[in-house]
């Protein structure tokens, strides 16, 4: 089993506002630097994405992939897994939101990615760290901005 990369950040906003940004997948190209496009393929009864297709361009890494989402009913977490991809053969991730006493939100991001091309474990973990750190910083900037 692959190692999961876990990172967290404090965002100065209530968790419902943070989750609203996370759940608005179609706006990701506006604030996620590597996201070129996001298309919702299927929605649940509450309007949240069940599946979505992403086109990613992170310089040397380019991929088109489909993720399947599970939203926790309390609005405090979302998880996803890879349905199909060109470069990726697996992706499992999650955001968990933890309310802080001062009204801020701790966002915990976990990610595991497995590529179709061989990659030394040390480099894979470093790439996951960069991906999670960048994602959290971009999320913070979007929510607080």
C-alpha atoms as a PDB file:
ATOM      1  CA  UNK A   1       0.000   0.000   0.000  1.00  0.00           C
ATOM      2  CA  UNK A   2       1.272   3.466  -0.880  1.00  0.00           C
ATOM      3  CA  UNK A   3       2.177   6.005   1.772  1.00  0.00           C
ATOM      4  CA  UNK A   4      -0.270   8.860   2.235  1.00  0.00           C
ATOM      5  CA  UNK A   5       1.000  12.412   2.345  1.00  0.00           C
ATOM      6  CA  UNK A   6      -0.794  14.530   4.939  1.00  0.00           C
ATOM      7  CA  UNK A   7      -0.492  18.308   5.320  1.00  0.00           C
ATOM      8  CA  UNK A   8      -2.609  20.913   7.078  1.00  0.00           C
ATOM      9  CA  UNK A   9      -3.135  24.662   7.169  1.00  0.00           C
ATOM     10  CA  UNK A  10      -5.202  27.135   9.193  1.00  0.00           C
ATOM     11  CA  UNK A  11      -7.570  29.291   7.138  1.00  0.00           C
ATOM     12  CA  UNK A  12      -9.073  32.395   8.697  1.00  0.00           C
ATOM     13  CA  UNK A  13     -12.662  31.606   7.737  1.00  0.00           C
ATOM     14  CA  UNK A  14     -15.509  29.381   8.975  1.00  0.00           C
ATOM     15  CA  UNK A  15     -15.544  25.805   7.710  1.00  0.00           C
ATOM     16  CA  UNK A  16     -18.737  26.237   5.658  1.00  0.00           C
ATOM     17  CA  UNK A  17     -17.022  28.968   3.599  1.00  0.00           C
ATOM     18  CA  UNK A  18     -13.934  26.785   3.132  1.00  0.00           C
ATOM     19  CA  UNK A  19     -16.057  23.818   2.010  1.00  0.00           C
ATOM     20  CA  UNK A  20     -18.010  26.034  -0.397  1.00  0.00           C
ATOM     21  CA  UNK A  21     -14.737  26.845  -2.189  1.00  0.00           C
ATOM     22  CA  UNK A  22     -13.604  23.202  -2.162  1.00  0.00           C
ATOM     23  CA  UNK A  23     -16.986  22.025  -3.498  1.00  0.00           C
ATOM     24  CA  UNK A  24     -17.044  24.545  -6.366  1.00  0.00           C
ATOM     25  CA  UNK A  25     -14.929  22.325  -8.603  1.00  0.00           C
ATOM     26  CA  UNK A  26     -15.762  24.176 -11.808  1.00  0.00           C
ATOM     27  CA  UNK A  27     -14.071  27.330 -10.461  1.00  0.00           C
ATOM     28  CA  UNK A  28     -10.754  25.538  -9.791  1.00  0.00           C
ATOM     29  CA  UNK A  29      -9.140  26.836 -13.019  1.00  0.00           C
ATOM     30  CA  UNK A  30      -9.577  30.372 -11.608  1.00  0.00           C
ATOM     31  CA  UNK A  31      -7.349  29.688  -8.588  1.00  0.00           C
ATOM     32  CA  UNK A  32      -5.608  26.301  -8.912  1.00  0.00           C
ATOM     33  CA  UNK A  33      -2.545  27.061 -11.007  1.00  0.00           C
ATOM     34  CA  UNK A  34      -2.257  23.594 -12.615  1.00  0.00           C
ATOM     35  CA  UNK A  35      -5.981  23.127 -13.360  1.00  0.00           C
ATOM     36  CA  UNK A  36      -6.790  23.908 -16.992  1.00  0.00           C
ATOM     37  CA  UNK A  37     -10.417  22.756 -16.895  1.00  0.00           C
ATOM     38  CA  UNK A  38     -12.887  20.905 -14.676  1.00  0.00           C
ATOM     39  CA  UNK A  39     -16.127  19.409 -15.959  1.00  0.00           C
ATOM     40  CA  UNK A  40     -18.767  17.980 -13.616  1.00  0.00           C
ATOM     41  CA  UNK A  41     -19.924  14.683 -15.124  1.00  0.00           C
ATOM     42  CA  UNK A  42     -22.509  13.696 -12.494  1.00  0.00           C
ATOM     43  CA  UNK A  43     -24.102  15.463  -9.522  1.00  0.00           C
ATOM     44  CA  UNK A  44     -25.764  14.163  -6.385  1.00  0.00           C
ATOM     45  CA  UNK A  45     -29.201  15.294  -5.213  1.00  0.00           C
ATOM     46  CA  UNK A  46     -27.695  18.173  -3.225  1.00  0.00           C
ATOM     47  CA  UNK A  47     -25.910  19.489  -6.320  1.00  0.00           C
ATOM     48  CA  UNK A  48     -22.411  18.426  -5.370  1.00  0.00           C
ATOM     49  CA  UNK A  49     -20.181  16.615  -7.832  1.00  0.00           C
ATOM     50  CA  UNK A  50     -20.228  12.821  -7.818  1.00  0.00           C
ATOM     51  CA  UNK A  51     -17.726  12.617 -10.666  1.00  0.00           C
ATOM     52  CA  UNK A  52     -15.634  15.245 -12.420  1.00  0.00           C
ATOM     53  CA  UNK A  53     -13.088  15.322 -15.245  1.00  0.00           C
ATOM     54  CA  UNK A  54      -9.927  17.365 -14.716  1.00  0.00           C
ATOM     55  CA  UNK A  55      -7.386  18.566 -17.246  1.00  0.00           C
ATOM     56  CA  UNK A  56      -4.127  19.229 -15.424  1.00  0.00           C
ATOM     57  CA  UNK A  57      -1.051  20.991 -16.752  1.00  0.00           C
ATOM     58  CA  UNK A  58       1.707  21.326 -14.179  1.00  0.00           C
ATOM     59  CA  UNK A  59       4.565  21.900 -16.602  1.00  0.00           C
ATOM     60  CA  UNK A  60       6.214  18.533 -17.134  1.00  0.00           C
ATOM     61  CA  UNK A  61       3.170  16.717 -15.716  1.00  0.00           C
ATOM     62  CA  UNK A  62       0.055  16.809 -17.893  1.00  0.00           C
ATOM     63  CA  UNK A  63      -2.946  14.565 -17.284  1.00  0.00           C
ATOM     64  CA  UNK A  64      -6.649  14.214 -17.941  1.00  0.00           C
ATOM     65  CA  UNK A  65      -8.423  12.207 -15.264  1.00  0.00           C
ATOM     66  CA  UNK A  66     -11.810  11.521 -13.660  1.00  0.00           C
ATOM     67  CA  UNK A  67     -12.392  11.564  -9.899  1.00  0.00           C
ATOM     68  CA  UNK A  68     -15.318  10.150  -7.931  1.00  0.00           C
ATOM     69  CA  UNK A  69     -16.335  12.130  -4.814  1.00  0.00           C
ATOM     70  CA  UNK A  70     -17.895  11.225  -1.467  1.00  0.00           C
ATOM     71  CA  UNK A  71     -19.128  14.180   0.604  1.00  0.00           C
ATOM     72  CA  UNK A  72     -19.586  13.688   4.350  1.00  0.00           C
ATOM     73  CA  UNK A  73     -23.163  14.677   5.314  1.00  0.00           C
ATOM     74  CA  UNK A  74     -22.003  17.103   8.027  1.00  0.00           C
ATOM     75  CA  UNK A  75     -20.142  19.191   5.433  1.00  0.00           C
ATOM     76  CA  UNK A  76     -16.817  18.787   7.198  1.00  0.00           C
ATOM     77  CA  UNK A  77     -15.065  16.385   4.814  1.00  0.00           C
ATOM     78  CA  UNK A  78     -14.822  15.174   1.255  1.00  0.00           C
ATOM     79  CA  UNK A  79     -12.864  12.263  -0.165  1.00  0.00           C
ATOM     80  CA  UNK A  80     -12.188  11.153  -3.713  1.00  0.00           C
ATOM     81  CA  UNK A  81     -10.634   8.373  -5.735  1.00  0.00           C
ATOM     82  CA  UNK A  82      -9.460   8.025  -9.305  1.00  0.00           C
ATOM     83  CA  UNK A  83     -11.905   6.499 -11.777  1.00  0.00           C
ATOM     84  CA  UNK A  84      -9.643   6.854 -14.824  1.00  0.00           C
ATOM     85  CA  UNK A  85      -6.524   8.721 -15.841  1.00  0.00           C
ATOM     86  CA  UNK A  86      -3.862   8.922 -18.509  1.00  0.00           C
ATOM     87  CA  UNK A  87      -0.764   9.399 -16.315  1.00  0.00           C
ATOM     88  CA  UNK A  88      -2.219   8.306 -12.977  1.00  0.00           C
ATOM     89  CA  UNK A  89      -3.238   4.770 -12.146  1.00  0.00           C
ATOM     90  CA  UNK A  90      -4.462   5.676  -8.641  1.00  0.00           C
ATOM     91  CA  UNK A  91      -5.341   8.781  -6.662  1.00  0.00           C
ATOM     92  CA  UNK A  92      -6.993   8.846  -3.271  1.00  0.00           C
ATOM     93  CA  UNK A  93      -7.416  12.052  -1.349  1.00  0.00           C
ATOM     94  CA  UNK A  94      -9.454  13.911   1.209  1.00  0.00           C
ATOM     95  CA  UNK A  95     -10.014  17.254   2.856  1.00  0.00           C
ATOM     96  CA  UNK A  96     -11.180  17.317   6.465  1.00  0.00           C
ATOM     97  CA  UNK A  97     -12.230  20.598   8.049  1.00  0.00           C
ATOM     98  CA  UNK A  98     -11.794  21.141  11.790  1.00  0.00           C
ATOM     99  CA  UNK A  99     -13.414  24.193  13.385  1.00  0.00           C
ATOM    100  CA  UNK A 100     -11.066  26.208  15.578  1.00  0.00           C
ATOM    101  CA  UNK A 101     -12.152  28.102  18.734  1.00  0.00           C
ATOM    102  CA  UNK A 102     -11.332  31.464  17.115  1.00  0.00           C
ATOM    103  CA  UNK A 103     -13.631  30.847  14.125  1.00  0.00           C
ATOM    104  CA  UNK A 104     -10.842  29.744  11.798  1.00  0.00           C
ATOM    105  CA  UNK A 105     -10.685  26.309  10.170  1.00  0.00           C
ATOM    106  CA  UNK A 106      -7.893  23.758  10.132  1.00  0.00           C
ATOM    107  CA  UNK A 107      -7.836  22.021   6.757  1.00  0.00           C
ATOM    108  CA  UNK A 108      -6.222  18.575   6.712  1.00  0.00           C
ATOM    109  CA  UNK A 109      -5.371  17.336   3.212  1.00  0.00           C
ATOM    110  CA  UNK A 110      -4.364  13.725   2.563  1.00  0.00           C
ATOM    111  CA  UNK A 111      -3.208  12.491  -0.819  1.00  0.00           C
ATOM    112  CA  UNK A 112      -1.861   9.317  -2.386  1.00  0.00           C
ATOM    113  CA  UNK A 113      -0.996   9.255  -6.082  1.00  0.00           C
ATOM    114  CA  UNK A 114       0.337   6.352  -8.128  1.00  0.00           C
ATOM    115  CA  UNK A 115       1.541   6.971 -11.672  1.00  0.00           C
ATOM    116  CA  UNK A 116       1.629   4.696 -14.701  1.00  0.00           C
ATOM    117  CA  UNK A 117       5.329   5.549 -15.083  1.00  0.00           C
ATOM    118  CA  UNK A 118       7.782   4.190 -12.503  1.00  0.00           C
ATOM    119  CA  UNK A 119       8.931   6.708  -9.917  1.00  0.00           C
ATOM    120  CA  UNK A 120      11.306   6.243  -6.995  1.00  0.00           C
ATOM    121  CA  UNK A 121       9.387   6.429  -3.713  1.00  0.00           C
ATOM    122  CA  UNK A 122      11.433   9.357  -2.407  1.00  0.00           C
ATOM    123  CA  UNK A 123      10.605  11.460  -5.497  1.00  0.00           C
ATOM    124  CA  UNK A 124       6.943  10.431  -5.390  1.00  0.00           C
ATOM    125  CA  UNK A 125       6.620  11.531  -1.745  1.00  0.00           C
ATOM    126  CA  UNK A 126       8.365  14.829  -2.546  1.00  0.00           C
ATOM    127  CA  UNK A 127       5.961  15.425  -5.455  1.00  0.00           C
ATOM    128  CA  UNK A 128       2.963  14.664  -3.211  1.00  0.00           C
ATOM    129  CA  UNK A 129       4.306  17.118  -0.606  1.00  0.00           C
ATOM    130  CA  UNK A 130       4.652  19.857  -3.230  1.00  0.00           C
ATOM    131  CA  UNK A 131       1.139  19.122  -4.572  1.00  0.00           C
ATOM    132  CA  UNK A 132      -0.478  19.199  -1.115  1.00  0.00           C
ATOM    133  CA  UNK A 133       1.445  22.287   0.062  1.00  0.00           C
ATOM    134  CA  UNK A 134       0.568  24.176  -3.126  1.00  0.00           C
ATOM    135  CA  UNK A 135      -3.087  23.122  -2.975  1.00  0.00           C
ATOM    136  CA  UNK A 136      -3.453  24.280   0.636  1.00  0.00           C
ATOM    137  CA  UNK A 137      -1.745  27.636  -0.009  1.00  0.00           C
ATOM    138  CA  UNK A 138      -3.933  28.255  -3.074  1.00  0.00           C
ATOM    139  CA  UNK A 139      -7.069  27.282  -1.108  1.00  0.00           C
ATOM    140  CA  UNK A 140      -6.115  29.643   1.737  1.00  0.00           C
ATOM    141  CA  UNK A 141      -5.508  32.495  -0.700  1.00  0.00           C
ATOM    142  CA  UNK A 142      -8.845  31.884  -2.468  1.00  0.00           C
ATOM    143  CA  UNK A 143     -10.909  31.659   0.749  1.00  0.00           C
ATOM    144  CA  UNK A 144      -9.237  34.576   2.543  1.00  0.00           C
ATOM    145  CA  UNK A 145      -8.811  36.742  -0.581  1.00  0.00           C
END
